[in-house]
Protein backbone atom coordinates (compact mmCIF):
# COMPACT_ATOMS: atom_id res chain seq x y z
CA UNK A 1 29.09 0.59 0.98
CA UNK A 2 27.77 -2.86 -0.22
CA UNK A 3 24.13 -1.43 0.79
CA UNK A 4 20.64 -2.16 -0.71
CA UNK A 5 18.87 -0.16 -3.60
CA UNK A 6 17.35 2.73 -1.56
CA UNK A 7 14.31 0.89 1.03
CA UNK A 8 11.69 3.02 2.86
CA UNK A 9 13.77 3.79 5.57
CA UNK A 10 11.89 6.85 6.64
CA UNK A 11 8.92 5.70 6.50
CA UNK A 12 6.96 5.10 10.21
CA UNK A 13 7.42 2.21 12.04
CA UNK A 14 7.25 0.67 15.10
CA UNK A 15 11.14 -0.25 16.66
CA UNK A 16 10.60 -3.72 16.04
CA UNK A 17 9.80 -2.70 12.56
CA UNK A 18 12.24 -0.71 11.93
CA UNK A 19 14.55 -0.61 8.65
CA UNK A 20 17.03 -3.99 9.88
CA UNK A 21 15.14 -5.45 6.89
CA UNK A 22 15.88 -2.97 4.77
CA UNK A 23 18.86 -2.21 5.63
CA UNK A 24 22.08 -4.16 3.85
CA UNK A 25 24.88 -6.31 5.92
CA UNK A 26 27.21 -4.11 7.42
CA UNK A 27 30.35 -3.41 5.73
CA UNK A 28 33.25 -4.22 7.53
CA UNK A 29 34.76 -0.58 8.19
CA UNK A 30 31.05 0.68 9.06
CA UNK A 31 30.32 -2.40 12.03
CA UNK A 32 33.55 -3.48 12.82
CA UNK A 33 32.55 -7.20 12.58
CA UNK A 34 34.14 -9.77 10.40
CA UNK A 35 33.48 -10.64 7.18
CA UNK A 36 30.41 -14.03 7.32
CA UNK A 37 29.82 -13.13 11.98
CA UNK A 38 27.52 -13.08 13.52
CA UNK A 39 27.51 -12.53 16.65
CA UNK A 40 24.82 -12.48 19.89
CA UNK A 41 23.94 -9.08 19.70
CA UNK A 42 23.20 -7.31 23.04
CA UNK A 43 20.52 -4.40 24.11
CA UNK A 44 20.22 -1.59 26.52
CA UNK A 45 18.89 1.74 26.64
CA UNK A 46 21.15 4.86 26.11
CA UNK A 47 21.29 8.49 25.55
CA UNK A 48 22.07 8.97 22.38
CA UNK A 49 22.14 11.65 19.92
CA UNK A 50 20.51 10.44 16.77
CA UNK A 51 21.27 11.87 13.40
CA UNK A 52 20.27 10.82 9.83
CA UNK A 53 21.79 12.43 6.31
CA UNK A 54 20.30 11.91 2.40
CA UNK A 55 21.34 12.55 -0.98
CA UNK A 56 18.58 15.11 -1.84
CA UNK A 57 17.36 13.84 -5.62
CA UNK A 58 19.12 11.05 -5.71
CA UNK A 59 17.35 8.81 -7.90
CA UNK A 60 15.97 11.11 -10.08
CA UNK A 61 19.95 12.02 -10.37
CA UNK A 62 20.92 8.98 -10.55
CA UNK A 63 19.32 8.50 -13.52
CA UNK A 64 20.42 11.97 -15.10
CA UNK A 65 23.67 10.77 -14.63
CA UNK A 66 22.93 7.54 -16.26
CA UNK A 67 21.56 9.00 -19.68
CA UNK A 68 24.26 12.20 -19.62
CA UNK A 69 27.24 9.18 -18.75
CA UNK A 70 27.12 5.28 -17.75
CA UNK A 71 25.84 4.01 -15.76
CA UNK A 72 28.91 3.83 -12.74
CA UNK A 73 28.88 7.18 -12.68
CA UNK A 74 26.06 7.86 -9.79
CA UNK A 75 28.21 5.02 -8.12
CA UNK A 76 30.76 7.19 -8.28
CA UNK A 77 28.79 9.58 -7.17
CA UNK A 78 28.06 7.83 -3.80
CA UNK A 79 31.58 5.95 -3.47
CA UNK A 80 32.79 9.96 -3.09
CA UNK A 81 29.51 10.82 -0.37
CA UNK A 82 30.07 7.84 1.87
CA UNK A 83 33.95 8.36 1.64
CA UNK A 84 32.96 12.19 3.11
CA UNK A 85 30.63 11.81 5.81
CA UNK A 86 32.28 8.43 6.94
CA UNK A 87 35.58 10.62 7.71
CA UNK A 88 33.82 13.50 9.08
CA UNK A 89 31.49 11.94 11.16
CA UNK A 90 33.46 9.38 13.19
CA UNK A 91 36.59 11.19 13.32
CA UNK A 92 38.20 10.98 16.42
CA UNK A 93 35.76 8.73 17.42
CA UNK A 94 32.87 11.41 17.94
CA UNK A 95 29.90 9.41 15.84
CA UNK A 96 29.98 5.92 15.05
CA UNK A 97 27.64 5.37 11.39
CA UNK A 98 25.12 2.57 12.52
CA UNK A 99 23.94 1.38 8.48
CA UNK A 100 23.75 2.32 5.04
CA UNK A 101 19.87 3.61 4.58
CA UNK A 102 21.08 3.79 0.53
CA UNK A 103 21.51 6.79 0.00
CA UNK A 104 22.49 8.04 3.58
CA UNK A 105 24.16 6.95 6.86
CA UNK A 106 22.59 5.73 10.35
CA UNK A 107 24.85 7.79 12.61
CA UNK A 108 24.65 8.23 16.41
CA UNK A 109 26.84 11.22 18.00
CA UNK A 110 27.12 10.82 22.28
CA UNK A 111 27.44 15.44 22.16
CA UNK A 112 24.85 16.96 20.61
CA UNK A 113 27.40 20.00 19.83
CA UNK A 114 29.79 17.52 17.79
CA UNK A 115 26.96 16.37 15.86
CA UNK A 116 25.57 20.19 14.97
CA UNK A 117 29.50 21.12 14.16
CA UNK A 118 29.73 17.94 12.12
CA UNK A 119 26.30 18.26 10.19
CA UNK A 120 28.26 21.70 9.83
CA UNK A 121 31.18 21.01 8.10
CA UNK A 122 29.23 18.56 5.62
CA UNK A 123 27.63 21.41 4.45
CA UNK A 124 29.76 23.79 3.85
CA UNK A 125 31.66 20.55 2.34
CA UNK A 126 29.57 19.85 -0.28
CA UNK A 127 28.68 23.89 -0.86
CA UNK A 128 29.80 23.99 -3.96
CA UNK A 129 28.87 20.62 -5.39
CA UNK A 130 28.50 19.55 -9.40
CA UNK A 131 25.88 16.90 -7.89
CA UNK A 132 25.57 15.89 -3.78
CA UNK A 133 22.95 18.00 -2.48
CA UNK A 134 23.01 16.13 1.46
CA UNK A 135 19.68 17.04 3.90
CA UNK A 136 20.33 16.30 7.67
CA UNK A 137 18.05 15.61 10.71
CA UNK A 138 18.89 15.43 14.45
CA UNK A 139 16.92 14.56 17.51
CA UNK A 140 18.16 13.61 20.42
CA UNK A 141 16.68 10.74 23.66
CA UNK A 142 16.47 7.76 24.90
CA UNK A 143 16.43 5.01 22.46
CA UNK A 144 17.02 1.24 22.76
CA UNK A 145 20.21 -0.30 21.28
CA UNK A 146 22.09 -3.28 19.98
CA UNK A 147 25.22 -3.42 20.05
CA UNK A 148 28.36 -6.08 20.09
CA UNK A 149 31.31 -4.99 21.88
CA UNK A 150 31.76 -1.56 21.77
CA UNK A 151 29.87 -1.33 18.59
CA UNK A 152 26.61 -0.13 17.84
CA UNK A 153 24.65 -2.76 15.36
CA UNK A 154 21.37 -1.01 15.35
CA UNK A 155 18.52 2.07 17.01
CA UNK A 156 15.51 1.23 17.66
CA UNK A 157 12.76 3.87 19.29
CA UNK A 158 10.60 6.63 18.42
CA UNK A 159 14.17 9.45 18.80
CA UNK A 160 14.83 7.57 15.36
CA UNK A 161 11.78 8.01 13.95
CA UNK A 162 11.82 11.56 15.04
CA UNK A 163 15.55 11.93 13.70
CA UNK A 164 14.30 10.58 10.03
CA UNK A 165 10.77 12.88 9.99
CA UNK A 166 13.49 16.06 10.86
CA UNK A 167 15.46 14.88 8.27
CA UNK A 168 12.74 14.02 5.86
CA UNK A 169 11.33 18.62 6.55
CA UNK A 170 15.05 19.98 5.46
CA UNK A 171 15.95 20.95 1.85
CA UNK A 172 19.65 19.69 0.32
CA UNK A 173 22.21 21.73 1.81
CA UNK A 174 20.19 21.82 5.08
CA UNK A 175 19.92 20.67 8.05
CA UNK A 176 16.60 20.49 11.29
CA UNK A 177 16.66 20.05 14.58
CA UNK A 178 14.92 19.64 17.57
CA UNK A 179 14.72 21.93 20.46
CA UNK A 180 16.64 19.64 23.14
CA UNK A 181 20.15 19.43 19.95
CA UNK A 182 19.15 23.12 19.54
CA UNK A 183 18.71 23.62 23.43
CA UNK A 184 21.93 21.83 24.10
CA UNK A 185 24.44 23.05 20.96
CA UNK A 186 22.52 27.15 21.16
CA UNK A 187 25.02 26.68 24.92
CA UNK A 188 28.16 24.82 23.50
CA UNK A 189 28.11 26.94 20.21
CA UNK A 190 29.17 30.17 19.71
CA UNK A 191 27.17 32.79 17.87
CA UNK A 192 30.03 34.36 15.33
CA UNK A 193 30.40 30.06 14.25
CA UNK A 194 26.59 29.13 13.51
CA UNK A 195 23.64 31.39 13.39
CA UNK A 196 19.61 29.14 13.92
CA UNK A 197 16.61 30.00 12.33
CA UNK A 198 13.63 29.12 13.83
CA UNK A 199 10.83 27.07 12.67
CA UNK A 200 8.20 26.26 14.58
CA UNK A 201 6.51 22.76 15.36
CA UNK A 202 6.22 20.67 12.11
CA UNK A 203 5.16 17.63 11.77
CA UNK A 204 5.30 15.66 7.90
CA UNK A 205 1.30 14.09 7.36
CA UNK A 206 -1.50 14.52 9.65
CA UNK A 207 -1.28 12.37 12.67
CA UNK A 208 1.94 12.74 13.86
CA UNK A 209 2.80 14.79 17.24
CA UNK A 210 4.03 18.03 16.16
CA UNK A 211 8.65 18.62 16.71
CA UNK A 212 9.86 21.64 17.10
CA UNK A 213 12.71 22.79 14.07
CA UNK A 214 15.43 24.69 15.27
CA UNK A 215 17.86 25.56 11.74
CA UNK A 216 21.88 25.70 11.83
CA UNK A 217 23.61 27.42 9.66
CA UNK A 218 26.35 29.38 8.95
CA UNK A 219 24.90 32.91 7.71
CA UNK A 220 27.96 34.00 5.49
CA UNK A 221 27.63 31.74 3.47
CA UNK A 222 23.63 29.96 3.09
CA UNK A 223 20.20 31.94 3.84
CA UNK A 224 18.27 29.44 5.65
CA UNK A 225 15.21 27.97 4.57
CA UNK A 226 11.77 30.20 3.97
CA UNK A 227 9.85 27.44 4.76
CA UNK A 228 10.21 22.93 5.92
CA UNK A 229 8.64 20.29 3.80
CA UNK A 230 6.96 19.63 6.73
CA UNK A 231 2.68 20.70 7.70
CA UNK A 232 3.20 23.73 9.74
CA UNK A 233 1.13 23.59 13.48
CA UNK A 234 -0.13 25.49 15.89
CA UNK A 235 2.54 25.05 19.44
CA UNK A 236 1.08 22.54 21.50
CA UNK A 237 -0.38 23.22 25.13
CA UNK A 238 2.54 22.52 27.19
CA UNK A 239 5.10 23.00 24.69
CA UNK A 240 6.58 25.72 26.28
CA UNK A 241 9.85 25.57 28.55
CA UNK A 242 9.23 24.80 31.90
CA UNK A 243 9.03 27.07 34.83
CA UNK A 244 12.36 27.98 36.82
CA UNK A 245 14.55 26.85 33.36
CA UNK A 246 15.59 29.94 31.53
CA UNK A 247 13.63 30.69 28.55
CA UNK A 248 16.12 30.32 24.98
CA UNK A 249 16.40 32.91 22.98
CA UNK A 250 13.66 33.39 20.50
CA UNK A 251 15.58 34.76 16.76
CA UNK A 252 14.12 37.53 15.38
CA UNK A 253 12.89 37.66 12.47
CA UNK A 254 14.92 40.84 10.87
CA UNK A 255 17.56 39.11 8.61
CA UNK A 256 21.16 40.60 7.73
CA UNK A 257 22.74 39.10 4.74
CA UNK A 258 25.93 39.92 3.75
CA UNK A 259 28.86 39.78 0.60
CA UNK A 260 27.91 40.64 -3.02
CA UNK A 261 27.14 36.39 -3.51
CA UNK A 262 24.60 36.11 -0.81
CA UNK A 263 23.05 39.42 -1.22
CA UNK A 264 22.48 38.56 -5.06
CA UNK A 265 21.27 34.61 -3.93
CA UNK A 266 18.59 36.53 -1.44
CA UNK A 267 18.25 38.88 -4.86
CA UNK A 268 16.89 36.51 -7.28
CA UNK A 269 14.70 34.47 -4.16
CA UNK A 270 13.21 37.48 -3.56
CA UNK A 271 12.54 38.11 -7.08
CA UNK A 272 11.70 34.23 -8.31
CA UNK A 273 9.40 33.02 -5.37
CA UNK A 274 7.25 36.99 -5.19
CA UNK A 275 3.86 38.31 -6.34
CA UNK A 276 2.41 42.06 -6.94
CA UNK A 277 4.02 44.48 -7.60
CA UNK A 278 8.16 45.42 -7.58
CA UNK A 279 9.43 49.09 -5.78
CA UNK A 280 12.82 50.05 -6.28
CA UNK A 281 13.65 52.49 -4.35
CA UNK A 282 16.29 55.06 -5.21
CA UNK A 283 18.02 50.91 -5.19
CA UNK A 284 21.62 51.71 -6.46
CA UNK A 285 21.78 50.08 -10.11
CA UNK A 286 24.98 49.54 -10.15
CA UNK A 287 23.57 45.75 -9.56
CA UNK A 288 22.22 45.89 -12.67
CA UNK A 289 24.61 47.26 -14.82
CA UNK A 290 26.26 44.37 -15.47
CA UNK A 291 25.24 40.63 -16.64
CA UNK A 292 25.55 38.80 -13.88
CA UNK A 293 24.14 40.71 -11.42
CA UNK A 294 20.66 42.29 -14.13
CA UNK A 295 19.99 37.81 -14.30
CA UNK A 296 20.35 37.87 -10.29
CA UNK A 297 18.67 40.75 -9.18
CA UNK A 298 15.90 41.43 -12.54
CA UNK A 299 15.52 39.16 -15.21
CA UNK A 300 14.05 36.20 -12.22
CA UNK A 301 11.14 39.56 -11.79
CA UNK A 302 11.00 39.24 -15.11
CA UNK A 303 10.37 35.76 -15.86
CA UNK A 304 8.41 35.30 -12.87
CA UNK A 305 4.58 35.60 -13.92
CA UNK A 306 3.49 36.15 -10.58
CA UNK A 307 5.44 39.81 -10.62
CA UNK A 308 3.33 42.28 -12.89
CA UNK A 309 4.33 45.27 -12.56
CA UNK A 310 8.29 47.21 -11.57
CA UNK A 311 8.05 49.72 -11.10
CA UNK A 312 11.62 52.36 -10.00
CA UNK A 313 11.69 55.46 -8.38
CA UNK A 314 14.98 56.65 -9.83
CA UNK A 315 17.66 59.53 -8.01
CA UNK A 316 17.36 62.75 -10.82
CA UNK A 317 20.07 64.67 -9.09
CA UNK A 318 22.48 62.09 -10.54
CA UNK A 319 23.66 62.13 -14.38
CA UNK A 320 25.58 58.83 -14.08
CA UNK A 321 22.05 57.00 -12.72
CA UNK A 322 19.92 58.35 -15.70
CA UNK A 323 23.04 57.39 -17.62
CA UNK A 324 23.77 54.13 -16.76
CA UNK A 325 19.40 53.17 -16.66
CA UNK A 326 18.96 54.39 -20.58
CA UNK A 327 22.07 53.10 -21.71
CA UNK A 328 23.04 49.54 -20.01
CA UNK A 329 19.28 48.57 -17.33
CA UNK A 330 17.21 49.50 -20.61
CA UNK A 331 19.01 48.02 -23.24
CA UNK A 332 19.11 44.75 -21.37
CA UNK A 333 16.03 44.08 -20.15
CA UNK A 334 14.89 44.82 -23.95
CA UNK A 335 17.26 41.87 -25.14
CA UNK A 336 15.97 39.22 -22.45
CA UNK A 337 12.07 40.27 -23.87
CA UNK A 338 13.71 39.88 -27.59
CA UNK A 339 15.07 36.54 -26.30
CA UNK A 340 12.10 34.94 -24.66
CA UNK A 341 9.86 36.49 -28.34
CA UNK A 342 8.53 38.74 -25.95
CA UNK A 343 7.46 41.80 -26.92
CA UNK A 344 7.89 44.96 -24.85
CA UNK A 345 7.23 48.26 -26.78
CA UNK A 346 9.00 51.92 -25.10
CA UNK A 347 6.82 53.94 -24.03
CA UNK A 348 8.34 57.94 -23.17
CA UNK A 349 5.22 59.97 -21.60
CA UNK A 350 7.84 62.50 -20.77
CA UNK A 351 11.36 63.17 -20.07
CA UNK A 352 11.14 62.38 -16.43
CA UNK A 353 9.41 59.14 -17.25
CA UNK A 354 8.67 55.76 -19.13
CA UNK A 355 7.74 52.27 -18.84
CA UNK A 356 7.84 49.10 -20.69
CA UNK A 357 5.05 48.13 -21.72
CA UNK A 358 3.51 43.78 -22.92
CA UNK A 359 0.63 44.58 -24.35
CA UNK A 360 0.17 40.16 -23.16
CA UNK A 361 -1.35 38.29 -21.79
CA UNK A 362 1.09 36.88 -20.39
CA UNK A 363 1.05 41.34 -19.36
CA UNK A 364 4.66 42.66 -17.54
CA UNK A 365 5.54 46.12 -16.95
CA UNK A 366 8.66 48.15 -16.41
CA UNK A 367 8.23 51.69 -15.42
CA UNK A 368 10.31 54.00 -13.89
CA UNK A 369 10.00 58.11 -13.34
CA UNK A 370 13.65 60.37 -12.24
CA UNK A 371 12.39 62.45 -8.82
CA UNK A 372 14.87 64.79 -6.72
CA UNK A 373 16.16 62.22 -3.60
CA UNK A 374 18.75 64.30 -2.49
CA UNK A 375 16.53 65.80 0.29
CA UNK A 376 14.89 62.00 0.80
CA UNK A 377 16.18 60.30 4.21
CA UNK A 378 14.16 56.73 3.65
CA UNK A 379 16.97 54.12 2.64
CA UNK A 380 17.39 52.28 -0.26
CA UNK A 381 14.55 49.77 -0.69
CA UNK A 382 12.80 46.93 -2.94
CA UNK A 383 9.32 46.00 -1.82
CA UNK A 384 6.59 43.66 -2.96
CA UNK A 385 3.40 44.19 -2.76
CA UNK A 386 -0.21 43.29 -3.91
CA UNK A 387 -0.84 44.60 -7.21
CA UNK A 388 -4.92 45.57 -6.58
CA UNK A 389 -5.60 45.09 -10.27
CA UNK A 390 -4.86 40.82 -10.06
CA UNK A 391 -6.91 38.32 -7.33
CA UNK A 392 -3.23 36.67 -6.83
CA UNK A 393 -2.47 36.63 -3.56
CA UNK A 394 0.77 37.95 -1.94
CA UNK A 395 2.79 38.71 1.12
CA UNK A 396 4.39 42.16 1.58
CA UNK A 397 7.70 41.96 1.86
CA UNK A 398 11.17 44.12 1.80
CA UNK A 399 15.55 44.25 1.26
CA UNK A 400 16.53 47.47 2.72
CA UNK A 401 19.66 47.76 1.21
CA UNK A 402 22.54 48.51 4.24
CA UNK A 403 25.40 49.39 2.37
CA UNK A 404 27.10 49.51 -0.98
CA UNK A 405 30.67 48.38 -2.38
CA UNK A 406 32.59 49.42 -5.89
CA UNK A 407 32.91 48.11 -9.09
CA UNK A 408 33.70 49.79 -12.67
CA UNK A 409 31.66 49.06 -15.48
CA UNK A 410 32.41 49.88 -18.63
CA UNK A 411 29.43 52.50 -20.70
CA UNK A 412 28.89 52.95 -24.87
CA UNK A 413 31.44 54.99 -25.59
CA UNK A 414 33.99 52.66 -23.89
CA UNK A 415 34.95 54.52 -21.39
CA UNK A 416 35.22 52.83 -17.71
CA UNK A 417 32.83 54.60 -14.05
CA UNK A 418 32.71 53.43 -10.72
CA UNK A 419 29.12 52.05 -9.90
CA UNK A 420 27.56 51.39 -6.61
CA UNK A 421 26.39 47.40 -5.92
CA UNK A 422 24.27 46.44 -2.29
CA UNK A 423 27.24 43.98 -0.34
CA UNK A 424 24.35 43.63 2.61
CA UNK A 425 20.86 44.19 2.84
CA UNK A 426 17.77 43.11 5.52
CA UNK A 427 15.61 40.74 4.31
CA UNK A 428 11.45 41.23 5.89
CA UNK A 429 8.60 40.28 5.73
CA UNK A 430 4.80 41.53 6.84
CA UNK A 431 4.48 38.49 8.49
CA UNK A 432 6.94 39.16 11.04
CA UNK A 433 7.97 43.10 11.26
CA UNK A 434 4.50 44.40 9.81
CA UNK A 435 4.80 48.52 10.66
CA UNK A 436 8.13 47.79 9.30
CA UNK A 437 6.58 47.47 5.70
CA UNK A 438 3.64 49.26 6.47
CA UNK A 439 5.88 52.66 6.97
CA UNK A 440 7.92 51.32 3.40
CA UNK A 441 4.54 51.06 1.97
CA UNK A 442 3.64 53.69 2.77
CA UNK A 443 6.45 55.72 1.24
CA UNK A 444 6.05 53.82 -2.38
CA UNK A 445 2.63 54.81 -2.06
CA UNK A 446 3.59 58.18 -2.29
CA UNK A 447 5.21 58.04 -5.87
CA UNK A 448 3.09 55.92 -6.97
CA UNK A 449 0.83 58.34 -8.31
CA UNK A 450 4.02 59.36 -10.74
CA UNK A 451 3.25 55.70 -12.40
CA UNK A 452 0.73 56.00 -15.23
């Protein structure tokens, strides 16, 4: 693309200080002008959808690739990035790339729904890529357009700044849009294709005007961000839609996660970011009975120093559960501890309970009890709640298991047996559904006295 090294293209500057001096000259395939030509541009204002993209972590990635391979490896990666994004943005004349920002693009669209669809396509095409993670921010409004013929040379105004700020709040692989984009795109794109998460009002830094941010995502492929990079602030006065306009549908905080792969990813996130005590109540052990499941569901909780106690309430009336626990799960925990040079001493108070405890520091314990749950109609769940024995601040949240599917595992004697693994869960937080989390906490407390 011939772009100059990455300049501070996203800092907030006045329109006339905008990024034109920081950007490289327009490449012919983007700007549409022949080399050496510099026709006098025309300026006017117009309503445009402003579309910013950025390669997340490009500076560190460039250095890492140069150390592993050669200086040209990152350049080839950027060429791959530029070609893919250019094809998706400009296909059928839907969008126009205004300029390169070094590690991304500034583009414009006429339709918010098309901009969101193309942003989703970029993320879906890049999903699973070994190196490329792109973040995208979109805003819409009246901007000053500098153009030559039908080619947009540059755009200026607060909506350009706001789109850049919106993008800076997104993580790699995610999209952030402002309310005007959400309001229009939501009406034109069917819910079966795109889900939305309402993140509320955020700002990049103190003094910036707050922007109401929404995140479009494919619920069958990815989970939305838990939080944005910016500072969350209270909704400003007068931000509610004017009277006479239909209020937009509020995204319900309950989040259903489907497919084994997404459940495993959410389980890892649940364990890596959680704190306090983790309860596993009547959870199917099939998800822990093979290395991939163990690495996603339990190992991150073992490695997380903020999770101090892990407690399992297991079904005593199903012999296979005890066998899976004794022959597969406990040995995997012990193997992990040995690999990490940590000592978890095995204690068996009686035939119906036991624990693996670390003398510490760090101090970690894994405890379990086998009880008759045949008449217990509470659904299977995992719960994170504060540990009263520590000063670690934590938020209560839970995963409720909605359905399972079958998988086959091999036991110690070499025989194959079917197990159940989770393939749909409900993720809830106390800050959003306090009554539901409180009910699950009550169930956990019912069995808490059995743990020593």
